[in-house]
PDB file of N, CA and C in Angstrom:
ATOM      1  N   MET A   1      11.118 -11.825  84.583  1.00  0.00           N
ATOM      2  CA  MET A   1      10.448 -12.477  83.461  1.00  0.00           C
ATOM      3  C   MET A   1       9.323 -13.359  83.986  1.00  0.00           C
ATOM      4  N   GLN A   2       8.226 -13.379  83.262  1.00  0.00           N
ATOM      5  CA  GLN A   2       7.077 -14.169  83.675  1.00  0.00           C
ATOM      6  C   GLN A   2       7.298 -15.638  83.366  1.00  0.00           C
ATOM      7  N   ASN A   3       6.641 -16.483  84.131  1.00  0.00           N
ATOM      8  CA  ASN A   3       6.695 -17.918  83.899  1.00  0.00           C
ATOM      9  C   ASN A   3       5.828 -18.255  82.690  1.00  0.00           C
ATOM     10  N   ASP A   4       6.438 -18.766  81.617  1.00  0.00           N
ATOM     11  CA  ASP A   4       5.699 -19.060  80.388  1.00  0.00           C
ATOM     12  C   ASP A   4       4.722 -20.211  80.549  1.00  0.00           C
ATOM     13  N   THR A   5       4.887 -21.039  81.585  1.00  0.00           N
ATOM     14  CA  THR A   5       3.967 -22.154  81.767  1.00  0.00           C
ATOM     15  C   THR A   5       2.717 -21.723  82.530  1.00  0.00           C
ATOM     16  N   ALA A   6       2.721 -20.525  83.089  1.00  0.00           N
ATOM     17  CA  ALA A   6       1.560 -20.041  83.826  1.00  0.00           C
ATOM     18  C   ALA A   6       0.428 -19.749  82.842  1.00  0.00           C
ATOM     19  N   GLU A   7      -0.782 -20.012  83.289  1.00  0.00           N
ATOM     20  CA  GLU A   7      -1.941 -19.688  82.471  1.00  0.00           C
ATOM     21  C   GLU A   7      -2.082 -18.174  82.404  1.00  0.00           C
ATOM     22  N   GLY A   8      -2.788 -17.719  81.439  1.00  0.00           N
ATOM     23  CA  GLY A   8      -2.999 -16.289  81.294  1.00  0.00           C
ATOM     24  C   GLY A   8      -2.989 -15.903  79.836  1.00  0.00           C
ATOM     25  N   ALA A   9      -2.916 -14.608  79.607  1.00  0.00           N
ATOM     26  CA  ALA A   9      -2.946 -14.096  78.246  1.00  0.00           C
ATOM     27  C   ALA A   9      -1.942 -12.959  78.126  1.00  0.00           C
ATOM     28  N   ILE A  10      -1.563 -12.697  76.893  1.00  0.00           N
ATOM     29  CA  ILE A  10      -0.637 -11.608  76.591  1.00  0.00           C
ATOM     30  C   ILE A  10      -1.264 -10.717  75.526  1.00  0.00           C
ATOM     31  N   SER A  11      -0.777  -9.498  75.468  1.00  0.00           N
ATOM     32  CA  SER A  11      -1.279  -8.566  74.461  1.00  0.00           C
ATOM     33  C   SER A  11      -0.785  -8.984  73.078  1.00  0.00           C
ATOM     34  N   ILE A  12      -1.431  -8.463  72.069  1.00  0.00           N
ATOM     35  CA  ILE A  12      -1.011  -8.757  70.699  1.00  0.00           C
ATOM     36  C   ILE A  12       0.407  -8.222  70.470  1.00  0.00           C
ATOM     37  N   LYS A  13       0.741  -7.082  71.068  1.00  0.00           N
ATOM     38  CA  LYS A  13       2.083  -6.515  70.940  1.00  0.00           C
ATOM     39  C   LYS A  13       3.114  -7.457  71.563  1.00  0.00           C
ATOM     40  N   ALA A  14       2.828  -7.968  72.754  1.00  0.00           N
ATOM     41  CA  ALA A  14       3.747  -8.900  73.416  1.00  0.00           C
ATOM     42  C   ALA A  14       3.861 -10.199  72.624  1.00  0.00           C
ATOM     43  N   PHE A  15       2.758 -10.664  72.058  1.00  0.00           N
ATOM     44  CA  PHE A  15       2.776 -11.867  71.230  1.00  0.00           C
ATOM     45  C   PHE A  15       3.733 -11.671  70.054  1.00  0.00           C
ATOM     46  N   CYS A  16       3.638 -10.533  69.409  1.00  0.00           N
ATOM     47  CA  CYS A  16       4.494 -10.251  68.249  1.00  0.00           C
ATOM     48  C   CYS A  16       5.961 -10.182  68.661  1.00  0.00           C
ATOM     49  N   GLU A  17       6.244  -9.518  69.768  1.00  0.00           N
ATOM     50  CA  GLU A  17       7.621  -9.417  70.243  1.00  0.00           C
ATOM     51  C   GLU A  17       8.181 -10.788  70.621  1.00  0.00           C
ATOM     52  N   ARG A  18       7.384 -11.605  71.296  1.00  0.00           N
ATOM     53  CA  ARG A  18       7.833 -12.928  71.745  1.00  0.00           C
ATOM     54  C   ARG A  18       8.087 -13.873  70.578  1.00  0.00           C
ATOM     55  N   ASN A  19       7.340 -13.703  69.488  1.00  0.00           N
ATOM     56  CA  ASN A  19       7.415 -14.647  68.382  1.00  0.00           C
ATOM     57  C   ASN A  19       8.093 -14.083  67.135  1.00  0.00           C
ATOM     58  N   GLY A  20       8.558 -12.863  67.213  1.00  0.00           N
ATOM     59  CA  GLY A  20       9.321 -12.276  66.118  1.00  0.00           C
ATOM     60  C   GLY A  20       8.529 -12.042  64.845  1.00  0.00           C
ATOM     61  N   ILE A  21       7.258 -11.713  64.988  1.00  0.00           N
ATOM     62  CA  ILE A  21       6.446 -11.401  63.808  1.00  0.00           C
ATOM     63  C   ILE A  21       5.856 -10.011  63.971  1.00  0.00           C
ATOM     64  N   GLY A  22       5.391  -9.443  62.879  1.00  0.00           N
ATOM     65  CA  GLY A  22       4.792  -8.116  62.914  1.00  0.00           C
ATOM     66  C   GLY A  22       3.301  -8.176  63.206  1.00  0.00           C
ATOM     67  N   MET A  23       2.758  -7.021  63.524  1.00  0.00           N
ATOM     68  CA  MET A  23       1.324  -6.929  63.839  1.00  0.00           C
ATOM     69  C   MET A  23       0.466  -7.348  62.646  1.00  0.00           C
ATOM     70  N   THR A  24       0.875  -6.969  61.448  1.00  0.00           N
ATOM     71  CA  THR A  24       0.103  -7.325  60.256  1.00  0.00           C
ATOM     72  C   THR A  24       0.042  -8.832  60.096  1.00  0.00           C
ATOM     73  N   SER A  25       1.173  -9.504  60.305  1.00  0.00           N
ATOM     74  CA  SER A  25       1.202 -10.968  60.198  1.00  0.00           C
ATOM     75  C   SER A  25       0.347 -11.608  61.288  1.00  0.00           C
ATOM     76  N   ALA A  26       0.414 -11.067  62.495  1.00  0.00           N
ATOM     77  CA  ALA A  26      -0.383 -11.618  63.597  1.00  0.00           C
ATOM     78  C   ALA A  26      -1.871 -11.506  63.293  1.00  0.00           C
ATOM     79  N   TYR A  27      -2.300 -10.342  62.844  1.00  0.00           N
ATOM     80  CA  TYR A  27      -3.721 -10.171  62.515  1.00  0.00           C
ATOM     81  C   TYR A  27      -4.126 -11.035  61.316  1.00  0.00           C
ATOM     82  N   ALA A  28      -3.209 -11.267  60.385  1.00  0.00           N
ATOM     83  CA  ALA A  28      -3.509 -12.156  59.255  1.00  0.00           C
ATOM     84  C   ALA A  28      -3.697 -13.591  59.751  1.00  0.00           C
ATOM     85  N   GLU A  29      -2.896 -14.017  60.724  1.00  0.00           N
ATOM     86  CA  GLU A  29      -3.040 -15.352  61.310  1.00  0.00           C
ATOM     87  C   GLU A  29      -4.376 -15.474  62.031  1.00  0.00           C
ATOM     88  N   ILE A  30      -4.781 -14.414  62.720  1.00  0.00           N
ATOM     89  CA  ILE A  30      -6.084 -14.410  63.406  1.00  0.00           C
ATOM     90  C   ILE A  30      -7.208 -14.494  62.381  1.00  0.00           C
ATOM     91  N   LYS A  31      -7.133 -13.675  61.342  1.00  0.00           N
ATOM     92  CA  LYS A  31      -8.173 -13.652  60.306  1.00  0.00           C
ATOM     93  C   LYS A  31      -8.291 -14.999  59.604  1.00  0.00           C
ATOM     94  N   ALA A  32      -7.146 -15.671  59.400  1.00  0.00           N
ATOM     95  CA  ALA A  32      -7.142 -16.974  58.727  1.00  0.00           C
ATOM     96  C   ALA A  32      -7.615 -18.098  59.651  1.00  0.00           C
ATOM     97  N   GLY A  33      -7.766 -17.797  60.941  1.00  0.00           N
ATOM     98  CA  GLY A  33      -8.242 -18.806  61.879  1.00  0.00           C
ATOM     99  C   GLY A  33      -7.140 -19.694  62.438  1.00  0.00           C
ATOM    100  N   ARG A  34      -5.884 -19.357  62.166  1.00  0.00           N
ATOM    101  CA  ARG A  34      -4.768 -20.165  62.670  1.00  0.00           C
ATOM    102  C   ARG A  34      -4.331 -19.749  64.063  1.00  0.00           C
ATOM    103  N   LEU A  35      -4.713 -18.550  64.477  1.00  0.00           N
ATOM    104  CA  LEU A  35      -4.382 -18.031  65.806  1.00  0.00           C
ATOM    105  C   LEU A  35      -5.668 -17.542  66.449  1.00  0.00           C
ATOM    106  N   ILE A  36      -5.924 -17.992  67.655  1.00  0.00           N
ATOM    107  CA  ILE A  36      -7.140 -17.597  68.370  1.00  0.00           C
ATOM    108  C   ILE A  36      -6.837 -16.375  69.222  1.00  0.00           C
ATOM    109  N   ALA A  37      -7.647 -15.349  69.059  1.00  0.00           N
ATOM    110  CA  ALA A  37      -7.510 -14.124  69.847  1.00  0.00           C
ATOM    111  C   ALA A  37      -8.815 -13.868  70.585  1.00  0.00           C
ATOM    112  N   ARG A  38      -8.703 -13.122  71.661  1.00  0.00           N
ATOM    113  CA  ARG A  38      -9.870 -12.753  72.454  1.00  0.00           C
ATOM    114  C   ARG A  38      -9.856 -11.246  72.653  1.00  0.00           C
ATOM    115  N   LYS A  39     -11.025 -10.681  72.838  1.00  0.00           N
ATOM    116  CA  LYS A  39     -11.136  -9.248  73.057  1.00  0.00           C
ATOM    117  C   LYS A  39     -11.573  -8.984  74.487  1.00  0.00           C
ATOM    118  N   CYS A  40     -10.942  -7.989  75.099  1.00  0.00           N
ATOM    119  CA  CYS A  40     -11.342  -7.488  76.406  1.00  0.00           C
ATOM    120  C   CYS A  40     -11.387  -5.975  76.253  1.00  0.00           C
ATOM    121  N   GLY A  41     -12.577  -5.459  76.041  1.00  0.00           N
ATOM    122  CA  GLY A  41     -12.698  -4.046  75.722  1.00  0.00           C
ATOM    123  C   GLY A  41     -12.032  -3.786  74.385  1.00  0.00           C
ATOM    124  N   ASN A  42     -11.084  -2.875  74.361  1.00  0.00           N
ATOM    125  CA  ASN A  42     -10.366  -2.563  73.123  1.00  0.00           C
ATOM    126  C   ASN A  42      -9.122  -3.415  72.928  1.00  0.00           C
ATOM    127  N   ARG A  43      -8.752  -4.172  73.944  1.00  0.00           N
ATOM    128  CA  ARG A  43      -7.515  -4.955  73.879  1.00  0.00           C
ATOM    129  C   ARG A  43      -7.726  -6.290  73.187  1.00  0.00           C
ATOM    130  N   THR A  44      -6.765  -6.662  72.367  1.00  0.00           N
ATOM    131  CA  THR A  44      -6.737  -7.986  71.754  1.00  0.00           C
ATOM    132  C   THR A  44      -5.739  -8.809  72.547  1.00  0.00           C
ATOM    133  N   LEU A  45      -6.190  -9.954  73.056  1.00  0.00           N
ATOM    134  CA  LEU A  45      -5.350 -10.808  73.892  1.00  0.00           C
ATOM    135  C   LEU A  45      -5.197 -12.183  73.261  1.00  0.00           C
ATOM    136  N   ILE A  46      -4.040 -12.773  73.489  1.00  0.00           N
ATOM    137  CA  ILE A  46      -3.762 -14.131  73.042  1.00  0.00           C
ATOM    138  C   ILE A  46      -3.497 -14.967  74.290  1.00  0.00           C
ATOM    139  N   ALA A  47      -4.278 -16.019  74.490  1.00  0.00           N
ATOM    140  CA  ALA A  47      -4.034 -16.921  75.613  1.00  0.00           C
ATOM    141  C   ALA A  47      -2.701 -17.625  75.372  1.00  0.00           C
ATOM    142  N   LYS A  48      -1.936 -17.828  76.453  1.00  0.00           N
ATOM    143  CA  LYS A  48      -0.633 -18.477  76.303  1.00  0.00           C
ATOM    144  C   LYS A  48      -0.778 -19.875  75.709  1.00  0.00           C
ATOM    145  N   ALA A  49      -1.847 -20.571  76.045  1.00  0.00           N
ATOM    146  CA  ALA A  49      -2.081 -21.899  75.468  1.00  0.00           C
ATOM    147  C   ALA A  49      -2.303 -21.795  73.966  1.00  0.00           C
ATOM    148  N   ASP A  50      -3.002 -20.750  73.519  1.00  0.00           N
ATOM    149  CA  ASP A  50      -3.229 -20.551  72.080  1.00  0.00           C
ATOM    150  C   ASP A  50      -1.949 -20.132  71.375  1.00  0.00           C
ATOM    151  N   GLU A  51      -1.093 -19.385  72.068  1.00  0.00           N
ATOM    152  CA  GLU A  51       0.209 -19.030  71.503  1.00  0.00           C
ATOM    153  C   GLU A  51       1.032 -20.294  71.256  1.00  0.00           C
ATOM    154  N   ARG A  52       1.067 -21.206  72.245  1.00  0.00           N
ATOM    155  CA  ARG A  52       1.816 -22.459  72.091  1.00  0.00           C
ATOM    156  C   ARG A  52       1.229 -23.319  70.980  1.00  0.00           C
ATOM    157  N   ALA A  53      -0.110 -23.382  70.909  1.00  0.00           N
ATOM    158  CA  ALA A  53      -0.759 -24.176  69.862  1.00  0.00           C
ATOM    159  C   ALA A  53      -0.429 -23.626  68.486  1.00  0.00           C
ATOM    160  N   TRP A  54      -0.449 -22.306  68.341  1.00  0.00           N
ATOM    161  CA  TRP A  54      -0.110 -21.682  67.056  1.00  0.00           C
ATOM    162  C   TRP A  54       1.327 -22.010  66.669  1.00  0.00           C
ATOM    163  N   LEU A  55       2.236 -21.858  67.627  1.00  0.00           N
ATOM    164  CA  LEU A  55       3.641 -22.117  67.348  1.00  0.00           C
ATOM    165  C   LEU A  55       3.867 -23.576  66.961  1.00  0.00           C
ATOM    166  N   ASN A  56       3.214 -24.494  67.659  1.00  0.00           N
ATOM    167  CA  ASN A  56       3.355 -25.916  67.355  1.00  0.00           C
ATOM    168  C   ASN A  56       2.718 -26.299  66.022  1.00  0.00           C
ATOM    169  N   SER A  57       1.789 -25.484  65.523  1.00  0.00           N
ATOM    170  CA  SER A  57       1.125 -25.791  64.251  1.00  0.00           C
ATOM    171  C   SER A  57       1.935 -25.328  63.040  1.00  0.00           C
ATOM    172  N   LEU A  58       2.953 -24.501  63.268  1.00  0.00           N
ATOM    173  CA  LEU A  58       3.758 -24.018  62.148  1.00  0.00           C
ATOM    174  C   LEU A  58       4.562 -25.164  61.546  1.00  0.00           C
ATOM    175  N   PRO A  59       4.768 -25.131  60.238  1.00  0.00           N
ATOM    176  CA  PRO A  59       5.544 -26.209  59.617  1.00  0.00           C
ATOM    177  C   PRO A  59       6.997 -26.161  60.063  1.00  0.00           C
ATOM    178  N   LYS A  60       7.580 -27.330  60.189  1.00  0.00           N
ATOM    179  CA  LYS A  60       8.989 -27.416  60.550  1.00  0.00           C
ATOM    180  C   LYS A  60       9.836 -27.105  59.328  1.00  0.00           C
ATOM    181  N   LEU A  61      10.950 -26.457  59.553  1.00  0.00           N
ATOM    182  CA  LEU A  61      11.883 -26.127  58.484  1.00  0.00           C
ATOM    183  C   LEU A  61      12.797 -27.319  58.252  1.00  0.00           C
ATOM    184  N   HIS A  62      12.831 -27.809  57.033  1.00  0.00           N
ATOM    185  CA  HIS A  62      13.699 -28.928  56.675  1.00  0.00           C
ATOM    186  C   HIS A  62      14.827 -28.381  55.817  1.00  0.00           C
ATOM    187  N   THR A  63      16.019 -28.405  56.360  1.00  0.00           N
ATOM    188  CA  THR A  63      17.175 -27.881  55.632  1.00  0.00           C
ATOM    189  C   THR A  63      17.685 -28.912  54.640  1.00  0.00           C
ATOM    190  N   ALA A  64      18.518 -28.473  53.722  1.00  0.00           N
ATOM    191  CA  ALA A  64      19.099 -29.377  52.727  1.00  0.00           C
ATOM    192  C   ALA A  64      19.956 -30.435  53.408  1.00  0.00           C
ATOM    193  N   ALA A  65      20.672 -30.062  54.464  1.00  0.00           N
ATOM    194  CA  ALA A  65      21.516 -31.026  55.181  1.00  0.00           C
ATOM    195  C   ALA A  65      20.666 -32.121  55.819  1.00  0.00           C
ATOM    196  N   ALA A  66      19.542 -31.737  56.397  1.00  0.00           N
ATOM    197  CA  ALA A  66      18.662 -32.724  57.017  1.00  0.00           C
ATOM    198  C   ALA A  66      18.058 -33.639  55.955  1.00  0.00           C
ATOM    199  N   ALA A  67      17.708 -33.081  54.796  1.00  0.00           N
ATOM    200  CA  ALA A  67      17.157 -33.889  53.715  1.00  0.00           C
ATOM    201  C   ALA A  67      18.190 -34.877  53.203  1.00  0.00           C
ATOM    202  N   ALA A  68      19.450 -34.444  53.061  1.00  0.00           N
ATOM    203  CA  ALA A  68      20.514 -35.331  52.591  1.00  0.00           C
ATOM    204  C   ALA A  68      20.747 -36.454  53.589  1.00  0.00           C
ATOM    205  N   GLU A  69      20.647 -36.133  54.869  1.00  0.00           N
ATOM    206  CA  GLU A  69      20.832 -37.155  55.905  1.00  0.00           C
ATOM    207  C   GLU A  69      19.717 -38.204  55.837  1.00  0.00           C
ATOM    208  N   ARG A  70      18.485 -37.757  55.599  1.00  0.00           N
ATOM    209  CA  ARG A  70      17.353 -38.693  55.499  1.00  0.00           C
ATOM    210  C   ARG A  70      17.542 -39.606  54.280  1.00  0.00           C
ATOM    211  N   VAL A  71      18.042 -39.053  53.174  1.00  0.00           N
ATOM    212  CA  VAL A  71      18.271 -39.844  51.964  1.00  0.00           C
ATOM    213  C   VAL A  71      19.350 -40.894  52.229  1.00  0.00           C
ATOM    214  N   SER A  72      20.444 -40.495  52.882  1.00  0.00           N
ATOM    215  CA  SER A  72      21.534 -41.435  53.140  1.00  0.00           C
ATOM    216  C   SER A  72      21.087 -42.535  54.100  1.00  0.00           C
ATOM    217  N   GLU A  73      20.216 -42.208  55.057  1.00  0.00           N
ATOM    218  CA  GLU A  73      19.710 -43.215  55.995  1.00  0.00           C
ATOM    219  C   GLU A  73      18.813 -44.221  55.282  1.00  0.00           C
ATOM    220  N   SER A  74      18.007 -43.734  54.333  1.00  0.00           N
ATOM    221  CA  SER A  74      17.088 -44.640  53.636  1.00  0.00           C
ATOM    222  C   SER A  74      17.834 -45.528  52.645  1.00  0.00           C
ATOM    223  N   ALA A  75      18.986 -45.061  52.160  1.00  0.00           N
ATOM    224  CA  ALA A  75      19.782 -45.851  51.218  1.00  0.00           C
ATOM    225  C   ALA A  75      20.571 -46.935  51.932  1.00  0.00           C
ATOM    226  N   ALA A  76      20.777 -46.802  53.223  1.00  0.00           N
ATOM    227  CA  ALA A  76      21.580 -47.781  53.985  1.00  0.00           C
ATOM    228  C   ALA A  76      20.824 -49.029  54.304  1.00  0.00           C
TER     229      ALA A  76
END
């Protein structure tokens, strides 16, 4: 397995596999400007730094249990 902290780029296919999304969703993220892609000939590449930035920009999931905990903390 490659070191994820190493600089470099991955293919769009590898990006999709690593992040559990489909190609259509990945290209939609690129088109919307939320994911930066680069072209090298016919290949679409995602820099690992851009992959991390995209992942960190996604909204956090707030579950009902976490919301109830926040309410109980604020009431105390």
